N, C-alpha and C. Protein backbone atom coordinates (compact mmCIF):
# COMPACT_ATOMS: atom_id res chain seq x y z
N MET A 1 -25.06 -18.23 28.83
CA MET A 1 -24.70 -18.10 27.43
C MET A 1 -23.26 -18.37 27.16
N THR A 2 -22.94 -19.08 26.19
CA THR A 2 -21.57 -19.39 25.85
C THR A 2 -21.33 -18.87 24.49
N SER A 3 -20.07 -18.54 24.40
CA SER A 3 -19.66 -17.88 22.95
C SER A 3 -18.48 -18.74 22.47
N ASN A 4 -18.26 -18.85 21.22
CA ASN A 4 -17.27 -19.45 20.49
C ASN A 4 -16.12 -18.40 20.45
N PRO A 5 -14.88 -18.67 20.95
CA PRO A 5 -13.96 -17.70 20.79
C PRO A 5 -13.35 -17.68 19.30
N SER A 6 -13.09 -16.51 18.87
CA SER A 6 -12.49 -16.34 17.56
C SER A 6 -11.11 -16.94 17.44
N PRO A 7 -10.83 -17.70 16.25
CA PRO A 7 -9.53 -18.22 16.02
C PRO A 7 -8.55 -17.04 15.81
N PHE A 8 -9.00 -15.90 15.58
CA PHE A 8 -8.13 -14.70 15.39
C PHE A 8 -7.95 -13.87 16.58
N ARG A 9 -7.76 -14.48 17.64
CA ARG A 9 -7.57 -13.74 18.98
C ARG A 9 -6.16 -14.33 19.38
N GLY A 10 -5.36 -13.42 19.90
CA GLY A 10 -4.10 -13.82 20.54
C GLY A 10 -2.99 -13.39 19.63
N LEU A 11 -1.77 -13.93 19.86
CA LEU A 11 -0.51 -13.39 19.40
C LEU A 11 -0.22 -14.04 17.90
N PHE A 12 -0.08 -13.24 16.90
CA PHE A 12 0.19 -13.69 15.60
C PHE A 12 1.66 -13.18 15.25
N ILE A 13 2.47 -14.13 14.88
CA ILE A 13 3.87 -13.80 14.62
C ILE A 13 4.03 -13.70 13.17
N PRO A 14 4.62 -12.43 12.74
CA PRO A 14 4.91 -12.33 11.38
C PRO A 14 6.36 -12.84 11.34
N HIS A 15 6.68 -13.85 10.66
CA HIS A 15 7.93 -14.53 10.60
C HIS A 15 8.80 -14.13 9.51
N VAL A 16 10.13 -14.37 9.69
CA VAL A 16 11.07 -14.04 8.68
C VAL A 16 10.97 -15.34 7.48
N THR A 17 11.57 -15.13 6.37
CA THR A 17 11.67 -16.15 5.40
C THR A 17 13.10 -16.46 5.33
N PRO A 18 13.64 -17.57 5.78
CA PRO A 18 15.07 -17.94 5.65
C PRO A 18 15.60 -18.23 4.31
N PHE A 19 16.86 -17.86 3.97
CA PHE A 19 17.44 -18.15 2.68
C PHE A 19 18.74 -18.82 2.90
N ASP A 20 19.23 -19.62 1.93
CA ASP A 20 20.47 -20.31 2.05
C ASP A 20 21.66 -19.30 1.67
N GLU A 21 22.78 -19.72 1.61
CA GLU A 21 23.99 -18.95 1.24
C GLU A 21 23.89 -18.51 -0.22
N ALA A 22 23.30 -19.32 -1.10
CA ALA A 22 23.11 -18.95 -2.57
C ALA A 22 21.93 -18.05 -2.75
N GLY A 23 21.17 -17.78 -1.80
CA GLY A 23 20.01 -16.84 -1.91
C GLY A 23 18.72 -17.55 -2.24
N ALA A 24 18.74 -18.75 -2.21
CA ALA A 24 17.37 -19.58 -2.48
C ALA A 24 16.75 -19.75 -1.14
N LEU A 25 15.46 -20.03 -1.20
CA LEU A 25 14.68 -20.34 0.12
C LEU A 25 15.33 -21.50 0.70
N ASP A 26 15.38 -21.35 2.10
CA ASP A 26 15.88 -22.54 2.91
C ASP A 26 14.65 -23.10 3.59
N LEU A 27 14.06 -24.05 2.91
CA LEU A 27 12.70 -24.58 3.32
C LEU A 27 12.86 -25.38 4.52
N GLU A 28 13.99 -26.01 4.71
CA GLU A 28 14.12 -26.85 6.11
C GLU A 28 14.27 -25.94 7.23
N SER A 29 14.89 -24.83 7.11
CA SER A 29 14.96 -23.92 8.22
C SER A 29 13.62 -23.20 8.39
N LEU A 30 12.84 -22.96 7.28
CA LEU A 30 11.48 -22.37 7.48
C LEU A 30 10.63 -23.34 8.26
N GLU A 31 10.72 -24.59 7.96
CA GLU A 31 9.95 -25.53 8.73
C GLU A 31 10.15 -25.61 10.17
N ARG A 32 11.63 -25.62 10.39
CA ARG A 32 12.01 -25.59 11.88
C ARG A 32 11.66 -24.37 12.61
N LEU A 33 11.76 -23.21 11.90
CA LEU A 33 11.33 -21.87 12.57
C LEU A 33 9.75 -21.99 12.76
N THR A 34 9.11 -22.35 11.81
CA THR A 34 7.64 -22.49 11.97
C THR A 34 7.25 -23.34 13.15
N ALA A 35 7.79 -24.60 13.22
CA ALA A 35 7.64 -25.63 14.31
C ALA A 35 7.88 -24.92 15.59
N HIS A 36 9.05 -24.10 15.67
CA HIS A 36 9.32 -23.46 16.93
C HIS A 36 8.35 -22.44 17.33
N PHE A 37 7.83 -21.63 16.54
CA PHE A 37 6.95 -20.63 16.82
C PHE A 37 5.70 -21.17 17.34
N THR A 38 5.17 -22.18 16.51
CA THR A 38 3.90 -22.85 16.91
C THR A 38 4.02 -23.66 18.25
N SER A 39 5.15 -23.86 18.66
CA SER A 39 5.35 -24.57 20.00
C SER A 39 5.31 -23.67 21.19
N LEU A 40 5.32 -22.35 20.87
CA LEU A 40 5.43 -21.43 22.01
C LEU A 40 3.90 -21.16 22.51
N GLY A 41 3.91 -21.17 23.91
CA GLY A 41 2.55 -20.87 24.47
C GLY A 41 1.97 -19.43 24.17
N GLY A 42 0.73 -19.28 23.86
CA GLY A 42 0.10 -18.01 23.58
C GLY A 42 0.13 -17.51 22.21
N VAL A 43 0.80 -18.52 21.34
CA VAL A 43 0.85 -18.08 19.90
C VAL A 43 -0.43 -18.58 19.23
N ALA A 44 -1.24 -17.68 18.66
CA ALA A 44 -2.47 -18.13 18.03
C ALA A 44 -2.10 -18.54 16.52
N GLY A 45 -1.29 -17.92 15.80
CA GLY A 45 -1.03 -18.20 14.45
C GLY A 45 0.31 -17.44 14.03
N LEU A 46 0.47 -17.74 12.67
CA LEU A 46 1.64 -17.08 11.94
C LEU A 46 1.20 -16.39 10.65
N VAL A 47 2.01 -15.27 10.50
CA VAL A 47 1.77 -14.42 9.18
C VAL A 47 2.85 -14.49 8.39
N SER A 48 2.64 -15.03 7.10
CA SER A 48 3.69 -15.34 6.12
C SER A 48 3.77 -14.26 5.09
N CYS A 49 5.03 -13.92 4.67
CA CYS A 49 5.31 -13.19 3.53
C CYS A 49 4.89 -11.68 3.75
N ALA A 50 4.86 -11.23 5.02
CA ALA A 50 4.62 -9.84 5.35
C ALA A 50 5.97 -9.07 4.99
N ARG A 51 6.11 -7.88 5.33
CA ARG A 51 7.25 -7.13 5.02
C ARG A 51 8.44 -7.68 5.66
N ILE A 52 8.43 -8.21 7.02
CA ILE A 52 9.52 -8.86 7.53
C ILE A 52 9.80 -10.16 6.97
N GLY A 53 8.85 -10.91 6.31
CA GLY A 53 8.92 -12.15 5.66
C GLY A 53 9.43 -12.06 4.29
N GLU A 54 9.92 -10.90 3.75
CA GLU A 54 10.48 -10.75 2.42
C GLU A 54 9.39 -10.96 1.23
N GLY A 55 8.27 -10.75 1.62
CA GLY A 55 7.13 -10.97 0.61
C GLY A 55 7.37 -10.12 -0.67
N SER A 56 7.93 -8.91 -0.54
CA SER A 56 7.95 -8.03 -1.68
C SER A 56 9.10 -8.49 -2.58
N VAL A 57 9.95 -9.34 -2.14
CA VAL A 57 11.13 -9.73 -3.14
C VAL A 57 10.95 -11.22 -3.57
N LEU A 58 9.98 -12.00 -2.98
CA LEU A 58 9.67 -13.40 -3.39
C LEU A 58 8.89 -13.50 -4.68
N SER A 59 9.20 -14.47 -5.41
CA SER A 59 8.39 -14.73 -6.58
C SER A 59 7.09 -15.41 -6.10
N VAL A 60 6.08 -15.52 -7.02
CA VAL A 60 4.81 -16.13 -6.68
C VAL A 60 5.00 -17.51 -6.22
N GLU A 61 5.83 -18.17 -7.06
CA GLU A 61 6.16 -19.59 -6.77
C GLU A 61 6.81 -19.82 -5.37
N GLU A 62 7.86 -18.90 -5.15
CA GLU A 62 8.48 -18.97 -3.75
C GLU A 62 7.36 -18.73 -2.67
N LYS A 63 6.56 -17.77 -2.84
CA LYS A 63 5.49 -17.48 -1.74
C LYS A 63 4.55 -18.75 -1.69
N ARG A 64 4.24 -19.37 -2.82
CA ARG A 64 3.44 -20.64 -2.67
C ARG A 64 4.16 -21.67 -1.70
N LYS A 65 5.44 -21.80 -1.90
CA LYS A 65 6.17 -22.87 -1.10
C LYS A 65 6.14 -22.31 0.40
N VAL A 66 6.33 -21.11 0.57
CA VAL A 66 6.25 -20.54 2.01
C VAL A 66 4.94 -20.88 2.56
N TYR A 67 3.99 -20.42 1.88
CA TYR A 67 2.48 -20.57 2.35
C TYR A 67 2.22 -22.05 2.65
N ALA A 68 2.71 -23.00 1.72
CA ALA A 68 2.38 -24.45 1.95
C ALA A 68 3.12 -24.90 3.05
N ILE A 69 4.43 -24.57 3.42
CA ILE A 69 5.15 -25.14 4.54
C ILE A 69 4.57 -24.52 5.76
N VAL A 70 4.38 -23.32 5.89
CA VAL A 70 4.00 -22.65 7.09
C VAL A 70 2.53 -23.12 7.45
N GLY A 71 1.70 -23.15 6.46
CA GLY A 71 0.35 -23.55 6.54
C GLY A 71 0.12 -24.99 7.11
N ASN A 72 1.06 -25.93 6.57
CA ASN A 72 0.93 -27.35 7.02
C ASN A 72 1.37 -27.45 8.51
N VAL A 73 2.43 -26.78 8.78
CA VAL A 73 3.02 -26.88 10.23
C VAL A 73 1.92 -26.14 11.12
N ALA A 74 1.49 -25.02 10.84
CA ALA A 74 0.54 -24.33 11.65
C ALA A 74 -0.75 -25.27 11.84
N ARG A 75 -1.23 -25.82 10.82
CA ARG A 75 -2.46 -26.65 10.98
C ARG A 75 -2.30 -27.79 11.83
N LYS A 76 -1.13 -28.49 11.67
CA LYS A 76 -0.79 -29.65 12.53
C LYS A 76 -0.77 -29.37 14.04
N SER A 77 -0.38 -28.00 14.22
CA SER A 77 -0.30 -27.64 15.66
C SER A 77 -1.64 -26.94 16.05
N GLY A 78 -2.60 -26.84 15.25
CA GLY A 78 -3.77 -26.24 15.60
C GLY A 78 -3.76 -24.64 15.69
N ARG A 79 -2.77 -24.08 14.94
CA ARG A 79 -2.62 -22.66 14.82
C ARG A 79 -3.13 -22.09 13.55
N VAL A 80 -3.48 -20.79 13.54
CA VAL A 80 -4.05 -20.24 12.28
C VAL A 80 -2.87 -19.68 11.44
N HIS A 81 -3.01 -19.82 10.06
CA HIS A 81 -2.03 -19.34 9.15
C HIS A 81 -2.59 -18.17 8.31
N ILE A 82 -2.00 -17.05 8.37
CA ILE A 82 -2.42 -15.92 7.61
C ILE A 82 -1.39 -15.70 6.48
N ALA A 83 -1.72 -15.54 5.21
CA ALA A 83 -0.83 -15.22 4.13
C ALA A 83 -1.03 -13.74 3.81
N THR A 84 0.02 -13.05 3.46
CA THR A 84 0.17 -11.70 3.08
C THR A 84 0.34 -11.49 1.64
N ILE A 85 -0.55 -10.65 1.01
CA ILE A 85 -0.30 -10.31 -0.51
C ILE A 85 -0.30 -8.83 -0.53
N ALA A 86 0.48 -8.37 -1.59
CA ALA A 86 0.54 -6.99 -2.02
C ALA A 86 0.22 -6.80 -3.44
N PRO A 87 -1.05 -6.92 -3.78
CA PRO A 87 -1.40 -6.72 -5.18
C PRO A 87 -1.36 -5.29 -5.70
N GLN A 88 -1.29 -5.16 -7.05
CA GLN A 88 -1.20 -3.76 -7.71
C GLN A 88 -2.62 -3.37 -8.24
N SER A 89 -3.56 -4.37 -8.19
CA SER A 89 -4.87 -3.94 -8.58
C SER A 89 -5.94 -4.88 -7.93
N THR A 90 -7.14 -4.52 -8.09
CA THR A 90 -8.33 -5.37 -7.50
C THR A 90 -8.26 -6.75 -8.16
N SER A 91 -8.10 -6.66 -9.47
CA SER A 91 -8.06 -7.96 -10.33
C SER A 91 -6.90 -8.89 -9.67
N GLU A 92 -5.91 -8.35 -9.64
CA GLU A 92 -4.64 -9.11 -9.01
C GLU A 92 -5.07 -9.58 -7.67
N ALA A 93 -5.60 -8.83 -6.90
CA ALA A 93 -5.83 -9.31 -5.48
C ALA A 93 -6.77 -10.45 -5.49
N ILE A 94 -7.77 -10.35 -6.38
CA ILE A 94 -8.73 -11.51 -6.52
C ILE A 94 -8.04 -12.73 -7.02
N ALA A 95 -7.10 -12.52 -7.97
CA ALA A 95 -6.36 -13.81 -8.52
C ALA A 95 -5.58 -14.32 -7.38
N LEU A 96 -4.92 -13.64 -6.73
CA LEU A 96 -4.01 -14.15 -5.55
C LEU A 96 -4.91 -14.79 -4.53
N VAL A 97 -5.99 -14.33 -4.11
CA VAL A 97 -6.93 -14.97 -3.21
C VAL A 97 -7.34 -16.29 -3.64
N ARG A 98 -7.80 -16.28 -4.86
CA ARG A 98 -8.24 -17.64 -5.55
C ARG A 98 -7.09 -18.56 -5.47
N ASP A 99 -5.85 -18.17 -5.79
CA ASP A 99 -4.78 -19.08 -5.69
C ASP A 99 -4.47 -19.67 -4.22
N LEU A 100 -4.77 -18.78 -3.28
CA LEU A 100 -4.38 -19.14 -1.94
C LEU A 100 -5.51 -20.09 -1.40
N GLU A 101 -6.70 -20.15 -2.06
CA GLU A 101 -7.71 -21.13 -1.62
C GLU A 101 -7.24 -22.58 -1.81
N LYS A 102 -6.18 -22.82 -2.55
CA LYS A 102 -5.68 -24.23 -2.80
C LYS A 102 -4.64 -24.56 -1.88
N LEU A 103 -4.22 -23.64 -1.03
CA LEU A 103 -3.13 -23.74 0.02
C LEU A 103 -3.66 -23.78 1.38
N PRO A 104 -2.84 -24.28 2.28
CA PRO A 104 -3.33 -24.23 3.68
C PRO A 104 -3.20 -22.91 4.37
N VAL A 105 -4.07 -22.01 3.99
CA VAL A 105 -4.14 -20.58 4.38
C VAL A 105 -5.52 -20.36 5.09
N ASP A 106 -5.58 -19.81 6.28
CA ASP A 106 -6.73 -19.58 6.89
C ASP A 106 -7.39 -18.09 6.84
N ALA A 107 -6.52 -17.29 6.40
CA ALA A 107 -6.90 -15.84 6.10
C ALA A 107 -5.82 -15.16 5.30
N VAL A 108 -6.30 -13.91 4.73
CA VAL A 108 -5.34 -13.18 3.92
C VAL A 108 -5.22 -11.80 4.48
N MET A 109 -4.02 -11.27 4.61
CA MET A 109 -3.75 -9.89 5.01
C MET A 109 -3.39 -9.19 3.73
N ILE A 110 -4.16 -8.30 3.27
CA ILE A 110 -3.93 -7.57 2.03
C ILE A 110 -3.29 -6.11 2.26
N PHE A 111 -2.11 -5.96 1.67
CA PHE A 111 -1.58 -4.60 1.63
C PHE A 111 -2.19 -3.98 0.37
N PRO A 112 -2.77 -2.99 0.46
CA PRO A 112 -3.46 -2.35 -0.72
C PRO A 112 -2.50 -1.71 -1.74
N PRO A 113 -3.04 -1.65 -2.95
CA PRO A 113 -2.16 -0.88 -3.99
C PRO A 113 -1.92 0.53 -3.48
N LEU A 114 -0.91 1.14 -3.94
CA LEU A 114 -0.47 2.58 -3.70
C LEU A 114 -0.29 2.65 -2.06
N LEU A 115 0.15 1.73 -1.44
CA LEU A 115 0.34 1.71 0.04
C LEU A 115 1.23 2.86 0.44
N PHE A 116 2.32 2.95 -0.41
CA PHE A 116 3.32 3.97 0.02
C PHE A 116 2.93 5.37 -0.44
N ALA A 117 1.86 5.60 -1.25
CA ALA A 117 1.24 6.87 -1.50
C ALA A 117 -0.08 7.11 -0.86
N TRP A 118 -0.22 6.25 0.24
CA TRP A 118 -1.66 6.19 0.78
C TRP A 118 -1.93 7.56 1.29
N GLY A 119 -1.19 8.43 1.78
CA GLY A 119 -1.50 9.84 2.18
C GLY A 119 -1.94 10.71 1.08
N LYS A 120 -1.61 10.30 -0.17
CA LYS A 120 -1.98 11.12 -1.14
C LYS A 120 -3.16 10.55 -1.95
N VAL A 121 -3.81 9.52 -1.59
CA VAL A 121 -4.94 8.87 -2.18
C VAL A 121 -6.18 9.19 -1.42
N GLY A 122 -7.25 9.67 -2.16
CA GLY A 122 -8.38 9.97 -1.51
C GLY A 122 -9.15 8.90 -0.77
N GLY A 123 -9.85 9.19 0.16
CA GLY A 123 -10.57 8.21 1.04
C GLY A 123 -11.55 7.38 0.30
N ASP A 124 -12.17 7.79 -0.71
CA ASP A 124 -13.14 7.02 -1.43
C ASP A 124 -12.46 5.91 -2.20
N LEU A 125 -11.08 6.18 -2.63
CA LEU A 125 -10.40 5.12 -3.33
C LEU A 125 -9.86 4.14 -2.36
N LYS A 126 -9.48 4.63 -1.17
CA LYS A 126 -8.93 3.52 -0.18
C LYS A 126 -10.06 2.62 0.19
N VAL A 127 -11.19 3.04 0.29
CA VAL A 127 -12.37 2.23 0.69
C VAL A 127 -12.80 1.33 -0.54
N ARG A 128 -12.79 1.91 -1.69
CA ARG A 128 -13.18 1.20 -2.83
C ARG A 128 -12.49 -0.13 -3.11
N PHE A 129 -11.18 -0.04 -2.99
CA PHE A 129 -10.32 -1.25 -3.27
C PHE A 129 -10.81 -2.40 -2.38
N PHE A 130 -11.00 -2.17 -1.11
CA PHE A 130 -11.36 -3.21 -0.27
C PHE A 130 -12.97 -3.64 -0.38
N GLU A 131 -13.71 -2.62 -0.81
CA GLU A 131 -15.12 -2.87 -1.15
C GLU A 131 -15.14 -3.94 -2.29
N ASP A 132 -14.36 -3.51 -3.39
CA ASP A 132 -14.42 -4.53 -4.48
C ASP A 132 -13.99 -5.81 -4.31
N VAL A 133 -12.92 -6.01 -3.60
CA VAL A 133 -12.39 -7.33 -2.90
C VAL A 133 -13.56 -8.09 -2.21
N CYS A 134 -14.09 -7.33 -1.23
CA CYS A 134 -15.07 -7.98 -0.39
C CYS A 134 -16.28 -8.37 -1.35
N HIS A 135 -16.81 -7.55 -2.28
CA HIS A 135 -17.91 -7.75 -3.04
C HIS A 135 -17.62 -9.00 -3.82
N TRP A 136 -16.49 -9.16 -4.38
CA TRP A 136 -16.18 -10.38 -5.10
C TRP A 136 -16.22 -11.68 -4.22
N TYR A 137 -15.50 -11.46 -3.00
CA TYR A 137 -15.52 -12.64 -2.04
C TYR A 137 -16.98 -13.01 -1.70
N PHE A 138 -17.65 -12.12 -1.09
CA PHE A 138 -18.96 -12.34 -0.66
C PHE A 138 -19.94 -12.87 -1.73
N SER A 139 -19.84 -12.34 -2.91
CA SER A 139 -20.68 -12.82 -3.99
C SER A 139 -20.33 -14.26 -4.31
N ARG A 140 -19.03 -14.52 -4.29
CA ARG A 140 -18.61 -15.98 -4.38
C ARG A 140 -19.22 -16.91 -3.31
N CYS A 141 -19.24 -16.43 -2.17
CA CYS A 141 -19.83 -17.27 -1.11
C CYS A 141 -21.20 -17.47 -1.29
N LEU A 142 -21.96 -16.41 -1.66
CA LEU A 142 -23.39 -16.33 -1.89
C LEU A 142 -23.56 -17.32 -3.05
N SER A 143 -22.83 -17.24 -4.10
CA SER A 143 -23.06 -18.12 -5.22
C SER A 143 -22.93 -19.55 -4.84
N LYS A 144 -22.10 -20.02 -3.91
CA LYS A 144 -22.02 -21.33 -3.47
C LYS A 144 -23.26 -21.72 -2.61
N ALA A 145 -23.69 -20.82 -1.84
CA ALA A 145 -24.74 -21.05 -0.98
C ALA A 145 -25.96 -21.29 -1.65
N ILE A 146 -26.25 -20.48 -2.69
CA ILE A 146 -27.63 -20.54 -3.36
C ILE A 146 -27.52 -21.38 -4.74
N GLY A 147 -26.43 -21.78 -5.05
CA GLY A 147 -26.16 -22.58 -6.25
C GLY A 147 -26.39 -21.84 -7.61
N MET A 148 -26.03 -20.51 -7.61
CA MET A 148 -26.11 -19.77 -8.71
C MET A 148 -24.77 -19.04 -8.95
N THR A 149 -24.41 -18.66 -10.08
CA THR A 149 -23.13 -17.82 -10.38
C THR A 149 -23.51 -16.51 -10.50
N LEU A 150 -22.83 -15.75 -9.81
CA LEU A 150 -23.03 -14.20 -9.76
C LEU A 150 -21.89 -13.58 -10.46
N LYS A 151 -22.19 -12.85 -11.43
CA LYS A 151 -21.08 -12.21 -12.29
C LYS A 151 -21.11 -10.69 -12.00
N PRO A 152 -20.05 -10.04 -12.02
CA PRO A 152 -20.04 -8.49 -11.97
C PRO A 152 -20.85 -7.93 -13.24
N SER A 153 -21.56 -6.94 -12.84
CA SER A 153 -22.30 -6.24 -13.92
C SER A 153 -21.33 -5.11 -14.66
N ALA A 154 -21.84 -4.51 -15.64
CA ALA A 154 -21.17 -3.51 -16.30
C ALA A 154 -20.77 -2.36 -15.38
N ALA A 155 -21.53 -2.13 -14.18
CA ALA A 155 -21.14 -1.09 -13.27
C ALA A 155 -19.96 -1.36 -12.44
N SER A 156 -19.55 -2.69 -12.45
CA SER A 156 -18.38 -3.09 -11.62
C SER A 156 -17.14 -2.71 -12.37
N HIS A 157 -16.14 -2.12 -11.64
CA HIS A 157 -14.85 -1.80 -12.36
C HIS A 157 -13.72 -1.86 -11.49
N ASP A 158 -12.44 -1.75 -12.05
CA ASP A 158 -11.19 -1.85 -11.25
C ASP A 158 -10.92 -0.49 -10.71
N TRP A 159 -10.26 -0.35 -9.53
CA TRP A 159 -10.03 0.82 -9.00
C TRP A 159 -9.14 1.77 -9.73
N ARG A 160 -8.19 1.22 -10.64
CA ARG A 160 -7.37 1.96 -11.53
C ARG A 160 -8.28 2.72 -12.46
N LYS A 161 -9.24 2.27 -12.92
CA LYS A 161 -10.10 3.05 -13.85
C LYS A 161 -10.69 4.33 -13.08
N SER A 162 -11.06 4.20 -11.91
CA SER A 162 -11.44 5.26 -11.19
C SER A 162 -10.40 6.34 -10.80
N TRP A 163 -9.18 5.74 -10.56
CA TRP A 163 -8.08 6.57 -10.18
C TRP A 163 -7.73 7.38 -11.37
N HIS A 164 -7.63 6.87 -12.54
CA HIS A 164 -7.27 7.58 -13.88
C HIS A 164 -8.24 8.52 -14.30
N SER A 165 -9.58 8.11 -14.30
CA SER A 165 -10.67 8.93 -14.83
C SER A 165 -11.11 9.92 -13.87
N LYS A 166 -10.88 9.82 -12.59
CA LYS A 166 -11.29 10.69 -11.52
C LYS A 166 -12.84 10.80 -11.45
N LYS A 167 -13.42 9.69 -11.97
CA LYS A 167 -14.92 9.65 -11.83
C LYS A 167 -15.38 9.37 -10.46
N PRO A 168 -16.52 9.72 -10.11
CA PRO A 168 -16.95 9.29 -8.76
C PRO A 168 -16.99 7.78 -8.55
N LEU A 169 -16.82 7.31 -7.38
CA LEU A 169 -16.87 5.75 -7.20
C LEU A 169 -18.27 5.46 -6.79
N SER A 170 -18.63 4.39 -7.34
CA SER A 170 -19.81 3.74 -6.91
C SER A 170 -19.91 2.25 -6.53
N MET A 171 -20.79 1.70 -5.79
CA MET A 171 -20.72 0.42 -5.41
C MET A 171 -20.87 -0.66 -6.62
N SER A 172 -20.19 -1.72 -6.44
CA SER A 172 -20.33 -2.81 -7.57
C SER A 172 -21.70 -3.35 -7.44
N ILE A 173 -22.32 -3.66 -8.62
CA ILE A 173 -23.61 -4.31 -8.57
C ILE A 173 -23.47 -5.66 -9.15
N PHE A 174 -23.90 -6.65 -8.54
CA PHE A 174 -23.77 -8.08 -9.11
C PHE A 174 -25.17 -8.62 -9.53
N SER A 175 -25.27 -9.25 -10.73
CA SER A 175 -26.38 -9.83 -11.14
C SER A 175 -26.37 -11.19 -11.12
N PRO A 176 -27.38 -11.98 -10.78
CA PRO A 176 -27.34 -13.50 -10.68
C PRO A 176 -27.41 -14.03 -12.19
N ARG A 177 -26.86 -15.19 -12.28
CA ARG A 177 -26.92 -15.97 -13.67
C ARG A 177 -26.80 -17.39 -13.21
N ARG A 178 -27.75 -18.17 -13.72
CA ARG A 178 -27.84 -19.58 -13.41
C ARG A 178 -26.57 -20.33 -13.85
N SER A 179 -26.08 -21.21 -12.98
CA SER A 179 -24.94 -21.96 -13.35
C SER A 179 -25.46 -23.17 -14.04
N ASN A 180 -24.62 -23.75 -14.98
CA ASN A 180 -25.01 -24.88 -15.74
C ASN A 180 -24.12 -26.12 -15.06
N SER A 181 -23.25 -25.78 -14.19
CA SER A 181 -22.45 -26.85 -13.56
C SER A 181 -23.10 -27.53 -12.41
């Protein structure tokens, strides 16, 4: 019996994002740094824009540049590229993941909303954020596989609505709708 090893095994390096003296992204240094890390034995991939990578201070456009450079170098060397995002809502998480689909990104690491208040947030809400993102992603994959568009029903909602209303959380329900495309 043979098994295919996961590309997500091994050492993943969360790298820094270099800047020049004027405070702008230093893309040449980023490319050199990325090439160096991917040349090291045992490195399975790179993690871009995590906390050490200055993700919280970069603009969306700057992050796209980082993701593109690191992703291209990682792919040329046969390594995995993981992009990190820190959305403030479920809808923002979904929009960011959609944007990343156009870039050389193999996976996304999501820092959830309210990360720094995590000890004060109830367990249901913690789980709900990731459930909603997963429901969106898997319904999208299923839509492509069966050739139908799946839309969130009225029962689906953003985590903020649950947080503010203190209503019990329920699973999102998706209903199929035929695609005209």
